[in-house]
Amino acid sequence: MTPFAGIRIIDTMVGFPKRDRREVYKFLAPHLRDRESREEFSFPAQYMFKDLPPEVEDNVDPVAVVLDNMDRFGVERAMVGVRKDREDAIRALREHPDRFIASVEIDPSGGMDAVRYLVEMFETYDVKAVTTFPAGYQVPINDKRYYPIYAKCVELDLPIFVCVGVPGPRVPLAPQKVELIDEVCWFFPELKLVMRHGAEPWTELAVKLMLKWPNLYYSTSAFAPKHYPKPIIDYANTRGADKVIYAGYFPAGLTYDRIWGDMPGVPFAEHVWPKFLRENAMRVLGLDTDD
């Protein structure tokens, strides 16, 4: 019996397997300079992961692949990125609204066009969260280009999931220094900001900031559970049980077999598991409460 048996899990970061993984990361191309990233890797952070989930053949339904993985491991709902040209995500949301939650990725360089796009996707697909990758766009977390996006998130009561810490792709880390979050939380105290992708090597600072700012959270995306940072586990087990949210990284870099094979070994206290795997996501995403 696992320590989380019976919990209806919510995964706040899932994608759909692609026939060519490179298509997902084309937006990074202008910022990649080393030969491996530009010519050899199918995934910009490939050097960090072993046993990448396989790409799919033309006759395989990516939505069915994801649902099968979710069903095998007790994942009730998954948050997926929606975009006008992402047919798999749009179909999944339309055909399985009880299983998938929509998020939208925003490039802050678009100015008011980005704000209008956010609103359009919110109204069209019932988006529950915004996501963004500061190092991918080379726009710092506290840059003025982000402020209209943050303001609109507050207005629409949407959380924003922001990649923080040293990025996996070989692009400069400066836009994702964890210290930059402090100014954003100060200026937008109503903004629900969720840190993504580790915050390393500044996890202790991330904990300090979560203690300071009520609406700052942490998600475990892109980390196999075996490698969850110790300061985050310690925080969840003490004062931070309401602040740490489960996110996987399937199928970008981790298989569900790897994630859920590791998960029972995470030393969370008993009271943390339902919050980590379900309740915190329900609250932050503004989902309907359980019966």
Foldseek 3Di string as FASTA:
>chain_A
DFLQPPFQFEAADAEFAAQQLLVVQPLLQVQDDDPCQNPPDSAQLQVVFDPFDDHDDPVDQRLVVVVVLCVVQNHFAYEYEDDPPPVSVVVCCVVPVRHYAYEYEFQLVPAVVRVVVRVVCCVPRVHLAYEYECQSNVAAPQHPSCVVVQVSCLVVVHAYEYEAAADSGPGDRVSRQPVSVLVVCVVCLSHQYEYDDQNPPCVVVLLVVCVVRVRYAYEDEPDQLVPRDPVVQVCCQPVCLLGYEYHYHPNSRDRSCRNVVCVSVRPHDSVSNSNHGPVSCCVSSVHDDDD
